[in-house]
Structure formats: C-alpha cells, structure tokens
C-alpha cells in the first residue's frame, strides 16, 4: 500500500472516531422516520424517496465500506509480499 493510500484511509479512520461523525450518523438515522411509505403520494414521489434512501444508505454504511476496502487492500498487499 502506498503512503498516499494509507494516508487516505487514516483520514477516514480519524473521522469515524469523532463525536461529530457519530452525531451525524445518529441524526441521519433519526431522520429515516420521514420515509414512511404511507406518506408517498404518487410514483414520482416514490422514486424521489427511493433516491433519497439510496443516498442515506450510502452515508450510513460509509464507515463499513471504507473499512472493508482498507482490509481488502491490506490483505492484497500482504499476499504480494
């Protein structure tokens, strides 16, 4: 793994330990209540909310995605040795 790639992941790992990140994820999670299917008005509203939920899912899973990518890169690098 190059120093640049290592630094890239270290910055994210530092971010994930902050109170700000934890609060952000908590707030996003709490806002999921807005996406009640009973409030969908029509097909356009459904598609709009689906798009919003995809973005929210990405944000909510970002830490896991970053950690998994790092582990995969680290594993590949150790196998190349």
PDB file of N, CA and C in Angstrom:
ATOM      1  N   UNK A   1       0.847  -1.165   0.000  1.00  0.00           N
ATOM      2  CA  UNK A   1       0.000   0.000   0.000  1.00  0.00           C
ATOM      3  C   UNK A   1       0.901   1.239   0.000  1.00  0.00           C
ATOM      4  N   UNK A   2       0.591   2.171  -0.848  1.00  0.00           N
ATOM      5  CA  UNK A   2       1.405   3.383  -0.931  1.00  0.00           C
ATOM      6  C   UNK A   2       1.127   4.290   0.265  1.00  0.00           C
ATOM      7  N   UNK A   3       2.060   5.161   0.579  1.00  0.00           N
ATOM      8  CA  UNK A   3       1.826   6.103   1.677  1.00  0.00           C
ATOM      9  C   UNK A   3       0.594   6.989   1.437  1.00  0.00           C
ATOM     10  N   UNK A   4       0.347   7.336   0.178  1.00  0.00           N
ATOM     11  CA  UNK A   4      -0.815   8.167  -0.135  1.00  0.00           C
ATOM     12  C   UNK A   4      -2.118   7.435   0.163  1.00  0.00           C
ATOM     13  N   UNK A   5      -2.181   6.161  -0.198  1.00  0.00           N
ATOM     14  CA  UNK A   5      -3.381   5.358   0.066  1.00  0.00           C
ATOM     15  C   UNK A   5      -3.550   5.158   1.566  1.00  0.00           C
ATOM     16  N   UNK A   6      -2.460   4.888   2.248  1.00  0.00           N
ATOM     17  CA  UNK A   6      -2.501   4.717   3.704  1.00  0.00           C
ATOM     18  C   UNK A   6      -3.031   5.988   4.363  1.00  0.00           C
ATOM     19  N   UNK A   7      -2.552   7.147   3.928  1.00  0.00           N
ATOM     20  CA  UNK A   7      -2.989   8.434   4.476  1.00  0.00           C
ATOM     21  C   UNK A   7      -4.479   8.656   4.205  1.00  0.00           C
ATOM     22  N   UNK A   8      -4.937   8.304   3.015  1.00  0.00           N
ATOM     23  CA  UNK A   8      -6.341   8.423   2.626  1.00  0.00           C
ATOM     24  C   UNK A   8      -7.233   7.707   3.643  1.00  0.00           C
ATOM     25  N   UNK A   9      -6.873   6.481   3.959  1.00  0.00           N
ATOM     26  CA  UNK A   9      -7.680   5.699   4.898  1.00  0.00           C
ATOM     27  C   UNK A   9      -7.521   6.189   6.331  1.00  0.00           C
ATOM     28  N   UNK A  10      -6.331   6.617   6.709  1.00  0.00           N
ATOM     29  CA  UNK A  10      -6.119   7.137   8.060  1.00  0.00           C
ATOM     30  C   UNK A  10      -7.006   8.348   8.338  1.00  0.00           C
ATOM     31  N   UNK A  11      -7.164   9.195   7.330  1.00  0.00           N
ATOM     32  CA  UNK A  11      -8.019  10.374   7.484  1.00  0.00           C
ATOM     33  C   UNK A  11      -9.458   9.941   7.766  1.00  0.00           C
ATOM     34  N   UNK A  12      -9.947   8.970   7.043  1.00  0.00           N
ATOM     35  CA  UNK A  12     -11.297   8.461   7.301  1.00  0.00           C
ATOM     36  C   UNK A  12     -11.391   7.816   8.677  1.00  0.00           C
ATOM     37  N   UNK A  13     -10.409   7.018   9.049  1.00  0.00           N
ATOM     38  CA  UNK A  13     -10.447   6.365  10.362  1.00  0.00           C
ATOM     39  C   UNK A  13     -10.476   7.398  11.485  1.00  0.00           C
ATOM     40  N   UNK A  14      -9.727   8.488  11.310  1.00  0.00           N
ATOM     41  CA  UNK A  14      -9.775   9.573  12.284  1.00  0.00           C
ATOM     42  C   UNK A  14     -11.174  10.199  12.330  1.00  0.00           C
ATOM     43  N   UNK A  15     -11.751  10.419  11.167  1.00  0.00           N
ATOM     44  CA  UNK A  15     -13.099  10.992  11.090  1.00  0.00           C
ATOM     45  C   UNK A  15     -14.108  10.131  11.835  1.00  0.00           C
ATOM     46  N   UNK A  16     -14.044   8.826  11.643  1.00  0.00           N
ATOM     47  CA  UNK A  16     -15.042   7.923  12.227  1.00  0.00           C
ATOM     48  C   UNK A  16     -14.987   7.883  13.752  1.00  0.00           C
ATOM     49  N   UNK A  17     -13.891   8.344  14.342  1.00  0.00           N
ATOM     50  CA  UNK A  17     -13.779   8.342  15.804  1.00  0.00           C
ATOM     51  C   UNK A  17     -14.275   9.632  16.439  1.00  0.00           C
ATOM     52  N   UNK A  18     -14.623  10.625  15.623  1.00  0.00           N
ATOM     53  CA  UNK A  18     -15.020  11.918  16.177  1.00  0.00           C
ATOM     54  C   UNK A  18     -16.474  11.903  16.648  1.00  0.00           C
ATOM     55  N   UNK A  19     -16.742  12.752  17.631  1.00  0.00           N
ATOM     56  CA  UNK A  19     -18.110  12.914  18.114  1.00  0.00           C
ATOM     57  C   UNK A  19     -19.009  13.475  17.008  1.00  0.00           C
ATOM     58  N   UNK A  20     -18.427  14.330  16.162  1.00  0.00           N
ATOM     59  CA  UNK A  20     -19.202  14.903  15.063  1.00  0.00           C
ATOM     60  C   UNK A  20     -19.724  13.844  14.104  1.00  0.00           C
ATOM     61  N   UNK A  21     -18.875  12.871  13.746  1.00  0.00           N
ATOM     62  CA  UNK A  21     -19.308  11.793  12.852  1.00  0.00           C
ATOM     63  C   UNK A  21     -20.405  10.969  13.514  1.00  0.00           C
ATOM     64  N   UNK A  22     -20.202  10.632  14.771  1.00  0.00           N
ATOM     65  CA  UNK A  22     -21.191   9.823  15.491  1.00  0.00           C
ATOM     66  C   UNK A  22     -22.516  10.561  15.594  1.00  0.00           C
ATOM     67  N   UNK A  23     -22.467  11.864  15.849  1.00  0.00           N
ATOM     68  CA  UNK A  23     -23.697  12.650  15.925  1.00  0.00           C
ATOM     69  C   UNK A  23     -24.372  12.729  14.561  1.00  0.00           C
ATOM     70  N   UNK A  24     -23.578  12.935  13.514  1.00  0.00           N
ATOM     71  CA  UNK A  24     -24.122  12.992  12.161  1.00  0.00           C
ATOM     72  C   UNK A  24     -24.860  11.709  11.804  1.00  0.00           C
ATOM     73  N   UNK A  25     -24.237  10.564  12.059  1.00  0.00           N
ATOM     74  CA  UNK A  25     -24.861   9.273  11.749  1.00  0.00           C
ATOM     75  C   UNK A  25     -26.128   9.086  12.577  1.00  0.00           C
ATOM     76  N   UNK A  26     -26.111   9.483  13.828  1.00  0.00           N
ATOM     77  CA  UNK A  26     -27.295   9.385  14.683  1.00  0.00           C
ATOM     78  C   UNK A  26     -28.428  10.250  14.128  1.00  0.00           C
ATOM     79  N   UNK A  27     -28.103  11.483  13.722  1.00  0.00           N
ATOM     80  CA  UNK A  27     -29.123  12.369  13.166  1.00  0.00           C
ATOM     81  C   UNK A  27     -29.695  11.826  11.865  1.00  0.00           C
ATOM     82  N   UNK A  28     -28.840  11.320  11.005  1.00  0.00           N
ATOM     83  CA  UNK A  28     -29.314  10.738   9.745  1.00  0.00           C
ATOM     84  C   UNK A  28     -30.222   9.549  10.033  1.00  0.00           C
ATOM     85  N   UNK A  29     -29.820   8.715  10.965  1.00  0.00           N
ATOM     86  CA  UNK A  29     -30.619   7.560  11.340  1.00  0.00           C
ATOM     87  C   UNK A  29     -31.983   7.983  11.888  1.00  0.00           C
ATOM     88  N   UNK A  30     -31.988   9.014  12.722  1.00  0.00           N
ATOM     89  CA  UNK A  30     -33.251   9.506  13.272  1.00  0.00           C
ATOM     90  C   UNK A  30     -34.168  10.080  12.200  1.00  0.00           C
ATOM     91  N   UNK A  31     -33.587  10.632  11.153  1.00  0.00           N
ATOM     92  CA  UNK A  31     -34.384  11.220  10.074  1.00  0.00           C
ATOM     93  C   UNK A  31     -35.009  10.180   9.151  1.00  0.00           C
ATOM     94  N   UNK A  32     -34.640   8.938   9.300  1.00  0.00           N
ATOM     95  CA  UNK A  32     -35.229   7.884   8.464  1.00  0.00           C
ATOM     96  C   UNK A  32     -36.723   7.752   8.682  1.00  0.00           C
ATOM     97  N   UNK A  33     -37.206   8.211   9.820  1.00  0.00           N
ATOM     98  CA  UNK A  33     -38.633   8.139  10.113  1.00  0.00           C
ATOM     99  C   UNK A  33     -39.458   8.935   9.100  1.00  0.00           C
ATOM    100  N   UNK A  34     -38.849   9.892   8.431  1.00  0.00           N
ATOM    101  CA  UNK A  34     -39.542  10.698   7.423  1.00  0.00           C
ATOM    102  C   UNK A  34     -39.945   9.876   6.199  1.00  0.00           C
ATOM    103  N   UNK A  35     -39.359   8.719   6.042  1.00  0.00           N
ATOM    104  CA  UNK A  35     -39.556   7.943   4.825  1.00  0.00           C
ATOM    105  C   UNK A  35     -40.566   6.829   5.026  1.00  0.00           C
ATOM    106  N   UNK A  36     -41.680   7.183   5.557  1.00  0.00           N
ATOM    107  CA  UNK A  36     -42.783   6.263   5.795  1.00  0.00           C
ATOM    108  C   UNK A  36     -43.528   6.048   4.473  1.00  0.00           C
ATOM    109  N   UNK A  37     -43.698   4.808   4.063  1.00  0.00           N
ATOM    110  CA  UNK A  37     -44.355   4.526   2.783  1.00  0.00           C
ATOM    111  C   UNK A  37     -45.813   4.974   2.767  1.00  0.00           C
ATOM    112  N   UNK A  38     -46.391   5.169   3.921  1.00  0.00           N
ATOM    113  CA  UNK A  38     -47.791   5.609   3.967  1.00  0.00           C
ATOM    114  C   UNK A  38     -47.947   7.053   3.515  1.00  0.00           C
ATOM    115  N   UNK A  39     -46.849   7.799   3.457  1.00  0.00           N
ATOM    116  CA  UNK A  39     -46.934   9.209   3.063  1.00  0.00           C
ATOM    117  C   UNK A  39     -46.594   9.432   1.594  1.00  0.00           C
ATOM    118  N   UNK A  40     -46.333   8.368   0.846  1.00  0.00           N
ATOM    119  CA  UNK A  40     -45.988   8.503  -0.572  1.00  0.00           C
ATOM    120  C   UNK A  40     -47.242   8.864  -1.353  1.00  0.00           C
ATOM    121  N   UNK A  41     -47.127   9.931  -2.131  1.00  0.00           N
ATOM    122  CA  UNK A  41     -48.286  10.466  -2.839  1.00  0.00           C
ATOM    123  C   UNK A  41     -48.510   9.848  -4.212  1.00  0.00           C
ATOM    124  N   UNK A  42     -47.414   9.594  -4.948  1.00  0.00           N
ATOM    125  CA  UNK A  42     -47.537   9.052  -6.294  1.00  0.00           C
ATOM    126  C   UNK A  42     -46.216   8.392  -6.692  1.00  0.00           C
ATOM    127  N   UNK A  43     -46.140   7.928  -7.924  1.00  0.00           N
ATOM    128  CA  UNK A  43     -44.959   7.214  -8.402  1.00  0.00           C
ATOM    129  C   UNK A  43     -43.728   8.124  -8.396  1.00  0.00           C
ATOM    130  N   UNK A  44     -43.911   9.380  -8.780  1.00  0.00           N
ATOM    131  CA  UNK A  44     -42.778  10.313  -8.779  1.00  0.00           C
ATOM    132  C   UNK A  44     -42.246  10.504  -7.366  1.00  0.00           C
ATOM    133  N   UNK A  45     -43.135  10.635  -6.408  1.00  0.00           N
ATOM    134  CA  UNK A  45     -42.726  10.780  -5.007  1.00  0.00           C
ATOM    135  C   UNK A  45     -42.008   9.519  -4.531  1.00  0.00           C
ATOM    136  N   UNK A  46     -42.496   8.359  -4.948  1.00  0.00           N
ATOM    137  CA  UNK A  46     -41.853   7.092  -4.596  1.00  0.00           C
ATOM    138  C   UNK A  46     -40.423   7.047  -5.131  1.00  0.00           C
ATOM    139  N   UNK A  47     -40.258   7.398  -6.381  1.00  0.00           N
ATOM    140  CA  UNK A  47     -38.916   7.370  -6.989  1.00  0.00           C
ATOM    141  C   UNK A  47     -37.980   8.382  -6.316  1.00  0.00           C
ATOM    142  N   UNK A  48     -38.522   9.536  -5.986  1.00  0.00           N
ATOM    143  CA  UNK A  48     -37.718  10.549  -5.307  1.00  0.00           C
ATOM    144  C   UNK A  48     -37.253  10.028  -3.952  1.00  0.00           C
ATOM    145  N   UNK A  49     -38.157   9.453  -3.198  1.00  0.00           N
ATOM    146  CA  UNK A  49     -37.799   8.936  -1.876  1.00  0.00           C
ATOM    147  C   UNK A  49     -36.854   7.747  -1.976  1.00  0.00           C
ATOM    148  N   UNK A  50     -37.006   6.927  -3.007  1.00  0.00           N
ATOM    149  CA  UNK A  50     -36.067   5.828  -3.214  1.00  0.00           C
ATOM    150  C   UNK A  50     -34.661   6.360  -3.431  1.00  0.00           C
ATOM    151  N   UNK A  51     -34.544   7.418  -4.224  1.00  0.00           N
ATOM    152  CA  UNK A  51     -33.242   8.033  -4.454  1.00  0.00           C
ATOM    153  C   UNK A  51     -32.644   8.596  -3.173  1.00  0.00           C
ATOM    154  N   UNK A  52     -33.478   9.251  -2.381  1.00  0.00           N
ATOM    155  CA  UNK A  52     -33.001   9.784  -1.109  1.00  0.00           C
ATOM    156  C   UNK A  52     -32.533   8.658  -0.193  1.00  0.00           C
ATOM    157  N   UNK A  53     -33.280   7.578  -0.158  1.00  0.00           N
ATOM    158  CA  UNK A  53     -32.907   6.455   0.704  1.00  0.00           C
ATOM    159  C   UNK A  53     -31.608   5.795   0.251  1.00  0.00           C
ATOM    160  N   UNK A  54     -31.372   5.756  -1.050  1.00  0.00           N
ATOM    161  CA  UNK A  54     -30.100   5.202  -1.533  1.00  0.00           C
ATOM    162  C   UNK A  54     -28.924   6.031  -1.043  1.00  0.00           C
ATOM    163  N   UNK A  55     -29.071   7.349  -1.070  1.00  0.00           N
ATOM    164  CA  UNK A  55     -28.011   8.226  -0.580  1.00  0.00           C
ATOM    165  C   UNK A  55     -27.834   8.036   0.922  1.00  0.00           C
ATOM    166  N   UNK A  56     -28.928   7.962   1.656  1.00  0.00           N
ATOM    167  CA  UNK A  56     -28.856   7.762   3.105  1.00  0.00           C
ATOM    168  C   UNK A  56     -28.198   6.425   3.418  1.00  0.00           C
ATOM    169  N   UNK A  57     -28.547   5.382   2.687  1.00  0.00           N
ATOM    170  CA  UNK A  57     -27.911   4.073   2.889  1.00  0.00           C
ATOM    171  C   UNK A  57     -26.405   4.157   2.669  1.00  0.00           C
ATOM    172  N   UNK A  58     -25.993   4.879   1.634  1.00  0.00           N
ATOM    173  CA  UNK A  58     -24.565   5.034   1.363  1.00  0.00           C
ATOM    174  C   UNK A  58     -23.869   5.729   2.530  1.00  0.00           C
ATOM    175  N   UNK A  59     -24.472   6.800   3.022  1.00  0.00           N
ATOM    176  CA  UNK A  59     -23.888   7.531   4.154  1.00  0.00           C
ATOM    177  C   UNK A  59     -23.834   6.645   5.393  1.00  0.00           C
ATOM    178  N   UNK A  60     -24.922   5.949   5.681  1.00  0.00           N
ATOM    179  CA  UNK A  60     -24.996   5.124   6.884  1.00  0.00           C
ATOM    180  C   UNK A  60     -23.987   3.969   6.847  1.00  0.00           C
ATOM    181  N   UNK A  61     -23.644   3.515   5.649  1.00  0.00           N
ATOM    182  CA  UNK A  61     -22.727   2.383   5.504  1.00  0.00           C
ATOM    183  C   UNK A  61     -21.322   2.805   5.101  1.00  0.00           C
ATOM    184  N   UNK A  62     -21.057   4.110   5.030  1.00  0.00           N
ATOM    185  CA  UNK A  62     -19.769   4.596   4.550  1.00  0.00           C
ATOM    186  C   UNK A  62     -18.600   4.057   5.370  1.00  0.00           C
ATOM    187  N   UNK A  63     -18.732   4.074   6.687  1.00  0.00           N
ATOM    188  CA  UNK A  63     -17.639   3.593   7.538  1.00  0.00           C
ATOM    189  C   UNK A  63     -17.332   2.127   7.241  1.00  0.00           C
ATOM    190  N   UNK A  64     -18.350   1.312   7.127  1.00  0.00           N
ATOM    191  CA  UNK A  64     -18.160  -0.110   6.829  1.00  0.00           C
ATOM    192  C   UNK A  64     -17.509  -0.292   5.459  1.00  0.00           C
ATOM    193  N   UNK A  65     -17.964   0.474   4.471  1.00  0.00           N
ATOM    194  CA  UNK A  65     -17.380   0.373   3.130  1.00  0.00           C
ATOM    195  C   UNK A  65     -15.898   0.739   3.135  1.00  0.00           C
ATOM    196  N   UNK A  66     -15.554   1.806   3.836  1.00  0.00           N
ATOM    197  CA  UNK A  66     -14.153   2.240   3.909  1.00  0.00           C
ATOM    198  C   UNK A  66     -13.306   1.190   4.623  1.00  0.00           C
ATOM    199  N   UNK A  67     -13.798   0.691   5.743  1.00  0.00           N
ATOM    200  CA  UNK A  67     -13.030  -0.313   6.497  1.00  0.00           C
ATOM    201  C   UNK A  67     -12.850  -1.600   5.683  1.00  0.00           C
ATOM    202  N   UNK A  68     -13.883  -2.032   4.996  1.00  0.00           N
ATOM    203  CA  UNK A  68     -13.781  -3.237   4.169  1.00  0.00           C
ATOM    204  C   UNK A  68     -12.799  -3.045   3.015  1.00  0.00           C
ATOM    205  N   UNK A  69     -12.841  -1.872   2.386  1.00  0.00           N
ATOM    206  CA  UNK A  69     -11.921  -1.596   1.285  1.00  0.00           C
ATOM    207  C   UNK A  69     -10.479  -1.593   1.790  1.00  0.00           C
ATOM    208  N   UNK A  70     -10.254  -0.986   2.949  1.00  0.00           N
ATOM    209  CA  UNK A  70      -8.909  -0.947   3.523  1.00  0.00           C
ATOM    210  C   UNK A  70      -8.412  -2.362   3.824  1.00  0.00           C
ATOM    211  N   UNK A  71      -9.261  -3.165   4.437  1.00  0.00           N
ATOM    212  CA  UNK A  71      -8.868  -4.536   4.768  1.00  0.00           C
ATOM    213  C   UNK A  71      -8.547  -5.343   3.514  1.00  0.00           C
ATOM    214  N   UNK A  72      -9.320  -5.121   2.463  1.00  0.00           N
ATOM    215  CA  UNK A  72      -9.065  -5.834   1.203  1.00  0.00           C
ATOM    216  C   UNK A  72      -7.717  -5.412   0.609  1.00  0.00           C
ATOM    217  N   UNK A  73      -7.449  -4.121   0.603  1.00  0.00           N
ATOM    218  CA  UNK A  73      -6.182  -3.624   0.075  1.00  0.00           C
ATOM    219  C   UNK A  73      -5.013  -4.130   0.929  1.00  0.00           C
ATOM    220  N   UNK A  74      -5.182  -4.077   2.237  1.00  0.00           N
ATOM    221  CA  UNK A  74      -4.119  -4.546   3.139  1.00  0.00           C
ATOM    222  C   UNK A  74      -3.874  -6.046   2.951  1.00  0.00           C
ATOM    223  N   UNK A  75      -4.934  -6.792   2.779  1.00  0.00           N
ATOM    224  CA  UNK A  75      -4.820  -8.234   2.558  1.00  0.00           C
ATOM    225  C   UNK A  75      -4.104  -8.528   1.244  1.00  0.00           C
ATOM    226  N   UNK A  76      -4.496  -7.807   0.190  1.00  0.00           N
ATOM    227  CA  UNK A  76      -3.841  -7.983  -1.113  1.00  0.00           C
ATOM    228  C   UNK A  76      -2.370  -7.629  -1.030  1.00  0.00           C
ATOM    229  N   UNK A  77      -2.052  -6.559  -0.296  1.00  0.00           N
ATOM    230  CA  UNK A  77      -0.668  -6.124  -0.178  1.00  0.00           C
ATOM    231  C   UNK A  77       0.166  -7.144   0.586  1.00  0.00           C
ATOM    232  N   UNK A  78      -0.416  -7.749   1.604  1.00  0.00           N
ATOM    233  CA  UNK A  78       0.347  -8.743   2.385  1.00  0.00           C
ATOM    234  C   UNK A  78       0.543 -10.030   1.582  1.00  0.00           C
ATOM    235  N   UNK A  79      -0.351 -10.321   0.654  1.00  0.00           N
ATOM    236  CA  UNK A  79      -0.194 -11.520  -0.175  1.00  0.00           C
ATOM    237  C   UNK A  79       0.855 -11.304  -1.260  1.00  0.00           C
ATOM    238  N   UNK A  80       1.080 -10.052  -1.622  1.00  0.00           N
ATOM    239  CA  UNK A  80       2.078  -9.736  -2.660  1.00  0.00           C
ATOM    240  C   UNK A  80       3.501  -9.827  -2.129  1.00  0.00           C
ATOM    241  N   UNK A  81       3.650  -9.883  -0.811  1.00  0.00           N
ATOM    242  CA  UNK A  81       4.989  -9.893  -0.222  1.00  0.00           C
ATOM    243  C   UNK A  81       5.653 -11.234  -0.382  1.00  0.00           C
TER     244      UNK A  81
END
